[in-house]
Amino acid sequence: MTVLYPNKEGPKFDFEYSMQKHIPLAKALLGHEFKVSRGMSSAPVGQPPFLCIAWMDIGTVEEFVPVLTRQLEALRNDIPNYTNLEPVIQFEQVL
């Protein structure tokens, strides 16, 4: 699962809060480790399309969605503490 924070006009993103508070909260609630990256630029030169990308190996979607559904409200309630961006959640299949 990937959580993407699109780089839009007037973004607020507190990486310190996200890494110190939100990511540990998500790990505790969801039971999986996140890998987090910060967008720096895009090729060849320009603003990154995403300010932040968080990736989690969840196993199967069928197993994980009920867990996410139970914890989604707590996670959503914390988002305004570190960003004004609406995250996009994407499920992928690793090839």
PDB file of N, CA and C in Angstrom:
ATOM      1  N   MET A   1       0.853  -1.169   0.000  1.00  0.00           N
ATOM      2  CA  MET A   1       0.000   0.000   0.000  1.00  0.00           C
ATOM      3  C   MET A   1       0.894   1.226   0.000  1.00  0.00           C
ATOM      4  N   THR A   2       0.516   2.200  -0.795  1.00  0.00           N
ATOM      5  CA  THR A   2       1.238   3.464  -0.842  1.00  0.00           C
ATOM      6  C   THR A   2       0.283   4.596  -0.497  1.00  0.00           C
ATOM      7  N   VAL A   3       0.768   5.518   0.339  1.00  0.00           N
ATOM      8  CA  VAL A   3       0.019   6.722   0.672  1.00  0.00           C
ATOM      9  C   VAL A   3       0.786   7.876   0.045  1.00  0.00           C
ATOM     10  N   LEU A   4       0.131   8.588  -0.876  1.00  0.00           N
ATOM     11  CA  LEU A   4       0.765   9.664  -1.624  1.00  0.00           C
ATOM     12  C   LEU A   4       0.155  10.997  -1.233  1.00  0.00           C
ATOM     13  N   TYR A   5       1.010  11.980  -1.008  1.00  0.00           N
ATOM     14  CA  TYR A   5       0.562  13.329  -0.685  1.00  0.00           C
ATOM     15  C   TYR A   5       0.923  14.230  -1.864  1.00  0.00           C
ATOM     16  N   PRO A   6      -0.060  14.515  -2.753  1.00  0.00           N
ATOM     17  CA  PRO A   6       0.219  15.313  -3.943  1.00  0.00           C
ATOM     18  C   PRO A   6       0.710  16.717  -3.584  1.00  0.00           C
ATOM     19  N   ASN A   7       1.664  17.205  -4.365  1.00  0.00           N
ATOM     20  CA  ASN A   7       2.207  18.543  -4.187  1.00  0.00           C
ATOM     21  C   ASN A   7       1.276  19.527  -4.879  1.00  0.00           C
ATOM     22  N   LYS A   8       0.467  20.217  -4.101  1.00  0.00           N
ATOM     23  CA  LYS A   8      -0.495  21.178  -4.636  1.00  0.00           C
ATOM     24  C   LYS A   8      -0.114  22.573  -4.167  1.00  0.00           C
ATOM     25  N   GLU A   9      -0.780  23.560  -4.715  1.00  0.00           N
ATOM     26  CA  GLU A   9      -0.505  24.946  -4.352  1.00  0.00           C
ATOM     27  C   GLU A   9      -0.800  25.187  -2.875  1.00  0.00           C
ATOM     28  N   GLY A  10       0.144  25.848  -2.205  1.00  0.00           N
ATOM     29  CA  GLY A  10      -0.030  26.190  -0.788  1.00  0.00           C
ATOM     30  C   GLY A  10       0.024  25.021   0.161  1.00  0.00           C
ATOM     31  N   PRO A  11       0.913  24.046  -0.091  1.00  0.00           N
ATOM     32  CA  PRO A  11       0.921  22.879   0.800  1.00  0.00           C
ATOM     33  C   PRO A  11       1.532  23.194   2.152  1.00  0.00           C
ATOM     34  N   LYS A  12       0.979  22.546   3.157  1.00  0.00           N
ATOM     35  CA  LYS A  12       1.569  22.535   4.498  1.00  0.00           C
ATOM     36  C   LYS A  12       1.888  21.074   4.777  1.00  0.00           C
ATOM     37  N   PHE A  13       3.123  20.809   5.175  1.00  0.00           N
ATOM     38  CA  PHE A  13       3.473  19.440   5.543  1.00  0.00           C
ATOM     39  C   PHE A  13       4.555  19.497   6.602  1.00  0.00           C
ATOM     40  N   ASP A  14       4.234  19.069   7.800  1.00  0.00           N
ATOM     41  CA  ASP A  14       5.156  19.065   8.925  1.00  0.00           C
ATOM     42  C   ASP A  14       5.782  17.668   9.013  1.00  0.00           C
ATOM     43  N   PHE A  15       6.963  17.530   8.404  1.00  0.00           N
ATOM     44  CA  PHE A  15       7.618  16.225   8.378  1.00  0.00           C
ATOM     45  C   PHE A  15       8.013  15.762   9.770  1.00  0.00           C
ATOM     46  N   GLU A  16       8.395  16.678  10.637  1.00  0.00           N
ATOM     47  CA  GLU A  16       8.787  16.300  11.990  1.00  0.00           C
ATOM     48  C   GLU A  16       7.606  15.660  12.723  1.00  0.00           C
ATOM     49  N   TYR A  17       6.426  16.305  12.666  1.00  0.00           N
ATOM     50  CA  TYR A  17       5.243  15.734  13.312  1.00  0.00           C
ATOM     51  C   TYR A  17       4.892  14.391  12.668  1.00  0.00           C
ATOM     52  N   SER A  18       4.919  14.357  11.353  1.00  0.00           N
ATOM     53  CA  SER A  18       4.563  13.134  10.655  1.00  0.00           C
ATOM     54  C   SER A  18       5.441  11.967  11.092  1.00  0.00           C
ATOM     55  N   MET A  19       6.752  12.189  11.131  1.00  0.00           N
ATOM     56  CA  MET A  19       7.683  11.110  11.470  1.00  0.00           C
ATOM     57  C   MET A  19       7.688  10.782  12.970  1.00  0.00           C
ATOM     58  N   GLN A  20       7.474  11.782  13.815  1.00  0.00           N
ATOM     59  CA  GLN A  20       7.534  11.575  15.267  1.00  0.00           C
ATOM     60  C   GLN A  20       6.211  11.078  15.857  1.00  0.00           C
ATOM     61  N   LYS A  21       5.091  11.480  15.242  1.00  0.00           N
ATOM     62  CA  LYS A  21       3.774  11.166  15.827  1.00  0.00           C
ATOM     63  C   LYS A  21       2.897  10.295  14.916  1.00  0.00           C
ATOM     64  N   HIS A  22       2.686  10.760  13.663  1.00  0.00           N
ATOM     65  CA  HIS A  22       1.707  10.075  12.809  1.00  0.00           C
ATOM     66  C   HIS A  22       2.180   8.686  12.377  1.00  0.00           C
ATOM     67  N   ILE A  23       3.410   8.586  11.921  1.00  0.00           N
ATOM     68  CA  ILE A  23       3.908   7.283  11.469  1.00  0.00           C
ATOM     69  C   ILE A  23       3.924   6.267  12.621  1.00  0.00           C
ATOM     70  N   PRO A  24       4.393   6.624  13.828  1.00  0.00           N
ATOM     71  CA  PRO A  24       4.281   5.666  14.938  1.00  0.00           C
ATOM     72  C   PRO A  24       2.825   5.299  15.265  1.00  0.00           C
ATOM     73  N   LEU A  25       1.915   6.273  15.157  1.00  0.00           N
ATOM     74  CA  LEU A  25       0.493   5.980  15.371  1.00  0.00           C
ATOM     75  C   LEU A  25      -0.004   4.979  14.335  1.00  0.00           C
ATOM     76  N   ALA A  26       0.325   5.219  13.072  1.00  0.00           N
ATOM     77  CA  ALA A  26      -0.102   4.311  12.004  1.00  0.00           C
ATOM     78  C   ALA A  26       0.470   2.911  12.210  1.00  0.00           C
ATOM     79  N   LYS A  27       1.727   2.835  12.599  1.00  0.00           N
ATOM     80  CA  LYS A  27       2.344   1.527  12.856  1.00  0.00           C
ATOM     81  C   LYS A  27       1.616   0.805  13.987  1.00  0.00           C
ATOM     82  N   ALA A  28       1.320   1.531  15.063  1.00  0.00           N
ATOM     83  CA  ALA A  28       0.634   0.916  16.207  1.00  0.00           C
ATOM     84  C   ALA A  28      -0.768   0.451  15.831  1.00  0.00           C
ATOM     85  N   LEU A  29      -1.482   1.249  15.057  1.00  0.00           N
ATOM     86  CA  LEU A  29      -2.855   0.912  14.698  1.00  0.00           C
ATOM     87  C   LEU A  29      -2.947  -0.159  13.617  1.00  0.00           C
ATOM     88  N   LEU A  30      -2.009  -0.137  12.670  1.00  0.00           N
ATOM     89  CA  LEU A  30      -2.097  -1.030  11.513  1.00  0.00           C
ATOM     90  C   LEU A  30      -1.194  -2.252  11.615  1.00  0.00           C
ATOM     91  N   GLY A  31      -0.196  -2.189  12.482  1.00  0.00           N
ATOM     92  CA  GLY A  31       0.652  -3.349  12.707  1.00  0.00           C
ATOM     93  C   GLY A  31       1.724  -3.595  11.661  1.00  0.00           C
ATOM     94  N   HIS A  32       2.070  -2.580  10.881  1.00  0.00           N
ATOM     95  CA  HIS A  32       3.096  -2.724   9.845  1.00  0.00           C
ATOM     96  C   HIS A  32       4.005  -1.502   9.849  1.00  0.00           C
ATOM     97  N   GLU A  33       5.238  -1.691   9.404  1.00  0.00           N
ATOM     98  CA  GLU A  33       6.212  -0.609   9.288  1.00  0.00           C
ATOM     99  C   GLU A  33       5.989   0.167   7.990  1.00  0.00           C
ATOM    100  N   PHE A  34       6.154   1.479   8.066  1.00  0.00           N
ATOM    101  CA  PHE A  34       6.138   2.336   6.883  1.00  0.00           C
ATOM    102  C   PHE A  34       7.557   2.694   6.491  1.00  0.00           C
ATOM    103  N   LYS A  35       7.798   2.836   5.211  1.00  0.00           N
ATOM    104  CA  LYS A  35       8.982   3.482   4.676  1.00  0.00           C
ATOM    105  C   LYS A  35       8.488   4.804   4.115  1.00  0.00           C
ATOM    106  N   VAL A  36       9.159   5.890   4.451  1.00  0.00           N
ATOM    107  CA  VAL A  36       8.691   7.228   4.079  1.00  0.00           C
ATOM    108  C   VAL A  36       9.762   7.930   3.269  1.00  0.00           C
ATOM    109  N   SER A  37       9.330   8.592   2.190  1.00  0.00           N
ATOM    110  CA  SER A  37      10.256   9.400   1.404  1.00  0.00           C
ATOM    111  C   SER A  37       9.686  10.801   1.223  1.00  0.00           C
ATOM    112  N   ARG A  38      10.596  11.753   1.099  1.00  0.00           N
ATOM    113  CA  ARG A  38      10.235  13.156   0.921  1.00  0.00           C
ATOM    114  C   ARG A  38      10.575  13.553  -0.512  1.00  0.00           C
ATOM    115  N   GLY A  39       9.594  14.097  -1.240  1.00  0.00           N
ATOM    116  CA  GLY A  39       9.835  14.538  -2.609  1.00  0.00           C
ATOM    117  C   GLY A  39      10.769  15.739  -2.632  1.00  0.00           C
ATOM    118  N   MET A  40      11.799  15.666  -3.472  1.00  0.00           N
ATOM    119  CA  MET A  40      12.779  16.752  -3.562  1.00  0.00           C
ATOM    120  C   MET A  40      12.651  17.521  -4.871  1.00  0.00           C
ATOM    121  N   SER A  41      12.540  16.817  -5.981  1.00  0.00           N
ATOM    122  CA  SER A  41      12.382  17.453  -7.295  1.00  0.00           C
ATOM    123  C   SER A  41      11.938  16.393  -8.284  1.00  0.00           C
ATOM    124  N   SER A  42      11.626  16.831  -9.487  1.00  0.00           N
ATOM    125  CA  SER A  42      11.283  15.884 -10.539  1.00  0.00           C
ATOM    126  C   SER A  42      12.267  16.077 -11.688  1.00  0.00           C
ATOM    127  N   ALA A  43      12.391  15.065 -12.523  1.00  0.00           N
ATOM    128  CA  ALA A  43      13.358  15.117 -13.623  1.00  0.00           C
ATOM    129  C   ALA A  43      12.750  15.825 -14.823  1.00  0.00           C
ATOM    130  N   PRO A  44      13.502  16.574 -15.583  1.00  0.00           N
ATOM    131  CA  PRO A  44      14.902  16.869 -15.281  1.00  0.00           C
ATOM    132  C   PRO A  44      15.056  17.910 -14.171  1.00  0.00           C
ATOM    133  N   VAL A  45      14.199  18.907 -14.099  1.00  0.00           N
ATOM    134  CA  VAL A  45      14.240  19.891 -13.016  1.00  0.00           C
ATOM    135  C   VAL A  45      12.816  20.372 -12.777  1.00  0.00           C
ATOM    136  N   GLY A  46      12.403  20.429 -11.540  1.00  0.00           N
ATOM    137  CA  GLY A  46      11.065  20.921 -11.246  1.00  0.00           C
ATOM    138  C   GLY A  46      10.588  20.473  -9.886  1.00  0.00           C
ATOM    139  N   GLN A  47       9.400  20.913  -9.574  1.00  0.00           N
ATOM    140  CA  GLN A  47       8.780  20.555  -8.301  1.00  0.00           C
ATOM    141  C   GLN A  47       8.391  19.081  -8.318  1.00  0.00           C
ATOM    142  N   PRO A  48       8.510  18.411  -7.166  1.00  0.00           N
ATOM    143  CA  PRO A  48       8.103  17.004  -7.119  1.00  0.00           C
ATOM    144  C   PRO A  48       6.585  16.892  -7.231  1.00  0.00           C
ATOM    145  N   PRO A  49       6.077  15.879  -7.911  1.00  0.00           N
ATOM    146  CA  PRO A  49       4.628  15.700  -7.986  1.00  0.00           C
ATOM    147  C   PRO A  49       4.013  15.311  -6.644  1.00  0.00           C
ATOM    148  N   PHE A  50       4.834  14.726  -5.755  1.00  0.00           N
ATOM    149  CA  PHE A  50       4.365  14.328  -4.432  1.00  0.00           C
ATOM    150  C   PHE A  50       5.331  14.870  -3.380  1.00  0.00           C
ATOM    151  N   LEU A  51       4.781  15.489  -2.327  1.00  0.00           N
ATOM    152  CA  LEU A  51       5.620  15.984  -1.237  1.00  0.00           C
ATOM    153  C   LEU A  51       6.116  14.855  -0.365  1.00  0.00           C
ATOM    154  N   CYS A  52       5.272  13.857  -0.190  1.00  0.00           N
ATOM    155  CA  CYS A  52       5.621  12.739   0.681  1.00  0.00           C
ATOM    156  C   CYS A  52       4.973  11.473   0.124  1.00  0.00           C
ATOM    157  N   ILE A  53       5.721  10.376   0.227  1.00  0.00           N
ATOM    158  CA  ILE A  53       5.211   9.065  -0.158  1.00  0.00           C
ATOM    159  C   ILE A  53       5.552   8.104   0.975  1.00  0.00           C
ATOM    160  N   ALA A  54       4.543   7.401   1.459  1.00  0.00           N
ATOM    161  CA  ALA A  54       4.749   6.398   2.504  1.00  0.00           C
ATOM    162  C   ALA A  54       4.312   5.048   1.948  1.00  0.00           C
ATOM    163  N   TRP A  55       5.165   4.048   2.116  1.00  0.00           N
ATOM    164  CA  TRP A  55       4.904   2.725   1.571  1.00  0.00           C
ATOM    165  C   TRP A  55       4.915   1.691   2.686  1.00  0.00           C
ATOM    166  N   MET A  56       3.981   0.758   2.609  1.00  0.00           N
ATOM    167  CA  MET A  56       3.861  -0.293   3.622  1.00  0.00           C
ATOM    168  C   MET A  56       3.596  -1.620   2.927  1.00  0.00           C
ATOM    169  N   ASP A  57       4.338  -2.656   3.298  1.00  0.00           N
ATOM    170  CA  ASP A  57       4.080  -4.006   2.803  1.00  0.00           C
ATOM    171  C   ASP A  57       2.981  -4.599   3.677  1.00  0.00           C
ATOM    172  N   ILE A  58       1.811  -4.806   3.100  1.00  0.00           N
ATOM    173  CA  ILE A  58       0.638  -5.200   3.891  1.00  0.00           C
ATOM    174  C   ILE A  58       0.256  -6.667   3.756  1.00  0.00           C
ATOM    175  N   GLY A  59       0.929  -7.410   2.919  1.00  0.00           N
ATOM    176  CA  GLY A  59       0.479  -8.771   2.649  1.00  0.00           C
ATOM    177  C   GLY A  59      -0.595  -8.713   1.578  1.00  0.00           C
ATOM    178  N   THR A  60      -1.791  -9.209   1.884  1.00  0.00           N
ATOM    179  CA  THR A  60      -2.866  -9.166   0.893  1.00  0.00           C
ATOM    180  C   THR A  60      -3.863  -8.059   1.226  1.00  0.00           C
ATOM    181  N   VAL A  61      -4.463  -7.508   0.180  1.00  0.00           N
ATOM    182  CA  VAL A  61      -5.476  -6.467   0.348  1.00  0.00           C
ATOM    183  C   VAL A  61      -6.654  -7.007   1.147  1.00  0.00           C
ATOM    184  N   GLU A  62      -7.045  -8.236   0.870  1.00  0.00           N
ATOM    185  CA  GLU A  62      -8.187  -8.847   1.549  1.00  0.00           C
ATOM    186  C   GLU A  62      -7.979  -8.934   3.061  1.00  0.00           C
ATOM    187  N   GLU A  63      -6.758  -9.204   3.482  1.00  0.00           N
ATOM    188  CA  GLU A  63      -6.456  -9.281   4.908  1.00  0.00           C
ATOM    189  C   GLU A  63      -6.341  -7.897   5.538  1.00  0.00           C
ATOM    190  N   PHE A  64      -5.826  -6.949   4.762  1.00  0.00           N
ATOM    191  CA  PHE A  64      -5.498  -5.645   5.326  1.00  0.00           C
ATOM    192  C   PHE A  64      -6.672  -4.665   5.375  1.00  0.00           C
ATOM    193  N   VAL A  65      -7.554  -4.682   4.393  1.00  0.00           N
ATOM    194  CA  VAL A  65      -8.644  -3.697   4.327  1.00  0.00           C
ATOM    195  C   VAL A  65      -9.507  -3.680   5.588  1.00  0.00           C
ATOM    196  N   PRO A  66      -9.882  -4.815   6.179  1.00  0.00           N
ATOM    197  CA  PRO A  66     -10.653  -4.743   7.427  1.00  0.00           C
ATOM    198  C   PRO A  66      -9.894  -4.036   8.558  1.00  0.00           C
ATOM    199  N   VAL A  67      -8.585  -4.243   8.640  1.00  0.00           N
ATOM    200  CA  VAL A  67      -7.771  -3.571   9.655  1.00  0.00           C
ATOM    201  C   VAL A  67      -7.759  -2.070   9.396  1.00  0.00           C
ATOM    202  N   LEU A  68      -7.515  -1.687   8.150  1.00  0.00           N
ATOM    203  CA  LEU A  68      -7.495  -0.268   7.781  1.00  0.00           C
ATOM    204  C   LEU A  68      -8.846   0.381   8.052  1.00  0.00           C
ATOM    205  N   THR A  69      -9.907  -0.291   7.704  1.00  0.00           N
ATOM    206  CA  THR A  69     -11.258   0.251   7.895  1.00  0.00           C
ATOM    207  C   THR A  69     -11.526   0.542   9.373  1.00  0.00           C
ATOM    208  N   ARG A  70     -11.110  -0.352  10.256  1.00  0.00           N
ATOM    209  CA  ARG A  70     -11.318  -0.150  11.696  1.00  0.00           C
ATOM    210  C   ARG A  70     -10.535   1.045  12.232  1.00  0.00           C
ATOM    211  N   GLN A  71      -9.380   1.344  11.647  1.00  0.00           N
ATOM    212  CA  GLN A  71      -8.493   2.385  12.178  1.00  0.00           C
ATOM    213  C   GLN A  71      -8.522   3.689  11.380  1.00  0.00           C
ATOM    214  N   LEU A  72      -9.276   3.729  10.299  1.00  0.00           N
ATOM    215  CA  LEU A  72      -9.240   4.875   9.387  1.00  0.00           C
ATOM    216  C   LEU A  72      -9.638   6.187  10.047  1.00  0.00           C
ATOM    217  N   GLU A  73     -10.633   6.183  10.897  1.00  0.00           N
ATOM    218  CA  GLU A  73     -11.083   7.421  11.537  1.00  0.00           C
ATOM    219  C   GLU A  73      -9.977   8.024  12.408  1.00  0.00           C
ATOM    220  N   ALA A  74      -9.309   7.209  13.207  1.00  0.00           N
ATOM    221  CA  ALA A  74      -8.221   7.716  14.058  1.00  0.00           C
ATOM    222  C   ALA A  74      -7.089   8.283  13.215  1.00  0.00           C
ATOM    223  N   LEU A  75      -6.758   7.609  12.117  1.00  0.00           N
ATOM    224  CA  LEU A  75      -5.693   8.098  11.243  1.00  0.00           C
ATOM    225  C   LEU A  75      -6.101   9.395  10.549  1.00  0.00           C
ATOM    226  N   ARG A  76      -7.317   9.447  10.027  1.00  0.00           N
ATOM    227  CA  ARG A  76      -7.807  10.672   9.357  1.00  0.00           C
ATOM    228  C   ARG A  76      -7.867  11.855  10.321  1.00  0.00           C
ATOM    229  N   ASN A  77      -8.256  11.613  11.555  1.00  0.00           N
ATOM    230  CA  ASN A  77      -8.348  12.701  12.534  1.00  0.00           C
ATOM    231  C   ASN A  77      -6.994  13.323  12.846  1.00  0.00           C
ATOM    232  N   ASP A  78      -5.921  12.581  12.634  1.00  0.00           N
ATOM    233  CA  ASP A  78      -4.579  13.098  12.913  1.00  0.00           C
ATOM    234  C   ASP A  78      -3.979  13.861  11.734  1.00  0.00           C
ATOM    235  N   ILE A  79      -4.478  13.665  10.539  1.00  0.00           N
ATOM    236  CA  ILE A  79      -3.913  14.286   9.336  1.00  0.00           C
ATOM    237  C   ILE A  79      -3.819  15.806   9.441  1.00  0.00           C
ATOM    238  N   PRO A  80      -4.833  16.534   9.907  1.00  0.00           N
ATOM    239  CA  PRO A  80      -4.713  17.996   9.989  1.00  0.00           C
ATOM    240  C   PRO A  80      -3.597  18.480  10.913  1.00  0.00           C
ATOM    241  N   ASN A  81      -3.087  17.613  11.771  1.00  0.00           N
ATOM    242  CA  ASN A  81      -1.984  17.987  12.654  1.00  0.00           C
ATOM    243  C   ASN A  81      -0.667  18.164  11.910  1.00  0.00           C
ATOM    244  N   TYR A  82      -0.559  17.603  10.700  1.00  0.00           N
ATOM    245  CA  TYR A  82       0.703  17.727   9.966  1.00  0.00           C
ATOM    246  C   TYR A  82       0.571  18.165   8.511  1.00  0.00           C
ATOM    247  N   THR A  83      -0.633  18.150   7.949  1.00  0.00           N
ATOM    248  CA  THR A  83      -0.751  18.570   6.554  1.00  0.00           C
ATOM    249  C   THR A  83      -2.154  19.070   6.232  1.00  0.00           C
ATOM    250  N   ASN A  84      -2.215  19.899   5.190  1.00  0.00           N
ATOM    251  CA  ASN A  84      -3.499  20.327   4.647  1.00  0.00           C
ATOM    252  C   ASN A  84      -3.782  19.606   3.327  1.00  0.00           C
ATOM    253  N   LEU A  85      -2.979  18.607   3.013  1.00  0.00           N
ATOM    254  CA  LEU A  85      -3.144  17.836   1.784  1.00  0.00           C
ATOM    255  C   LEU A  85      -4.002  16.603   2.036  1.00  0.00           C
ATOM    256  N   GLU A  86      -4.767  16.229   1.049  1.00  0.00           N
ATOM    257  CA  GLU A  86      -5.584  15.014   1.123  1.00  0.00           C
ATOM    258  C   GLU A  86      -4.761  13.848   0.577  1.00  0.00           C
ATOM    259  N   PRO A  87      -4.430  12.869   1.410  1.00  0.00           N
ATOM    260  CA  PRO A  87      -3.628  11.750   0.909  1.00  0.00           C
ATOM    261  C   PRO A  87      -4.433  10.855  -0.027  1.00  0.00           C
ATOM    262  N   VAL A  88      -3.700  10.240  -0.959  1.00  0.00           N
ATOM    263  CA  VAL A  88      -4.275   9.268  -1.884  1.00  0.00           C
ATOM    264  C   VAL A  88      -3.710   7.914  -1.493  1.00  0.00           C
ATOM    265  N   ILE A  89      -4.589   6.949  -1.267  1.00  0.00           N
ATOM    266  CA  ILE A  89      -4.151   5.596  -0.914  1.00  0.00           C
ATOM    267  C   ILE A  89      -4.260   4.717  -2.143  1.00  0.00           C
ATOM    268  N   GLN A  90      -3.171   4.011  -2.410  1.00  0.00           N
ATOM    269  CA  GLN A  90      -3.143   3.129  -3.579  1.00  0.00           C
ATOM    270  C   GLN A  90      -2.637   1.753  -3.138  1.00  0.00           C
ATOM    271  N   PHE A  91      -3.312   0.717  -3.592  1.00  0.00           N
ATOM    272  CA  PHE A  91      -2.859  -0.652  -3.357  1.00  0.00           C
ATOM    273  C   PHE A  91      -2.175  -1.130  -4.620  1.00  0.00           C
ATOM    274  N   GLU A  92      -1.037  -1.801  -4.454  1.00  0.00           N
ATOM    275  CA  GLU A  92      -0.283  -2.291  -5.605  1.00  0.00           C
ATOM    276  C   GLU A  92       0.020  -3.767  -5.457  1.00  0.00           C
ATOM    277  N   GLN A  93       0.412  -4.332  -6.559  1.00  0.00           N
ATOM    278  CA  GLN A  93       0.945  -5.702  -6.580  1.00  0.00           C
ATOM    279  C   GLN A  93       2.414  -5.573  -6.965  1.00  0.00           C
ATOM    280  N   VAL A  94       3.300  -6.063  -6.101  1.00  0.00           N
ATOM    281  CA  VAL A  94       4.715  -6.044  -6.402  1.00  0.00           C
ATOM    282  C   VAL A  94       5.009  -7.138  -7.405  1.00  0.00           C
ATOM    283  N   LEU A  95       5.680  -6.778  -8.467  1.00  0.00           N
ATOM    284  CA  LEU A  95       5.985  -7.749  -9.546  1.00  0.00           C
ATOM    285  C   LEU A  95       7.425  -8.213  -9.464  1.00  0.00           C
TER     286      LEU A  95
END
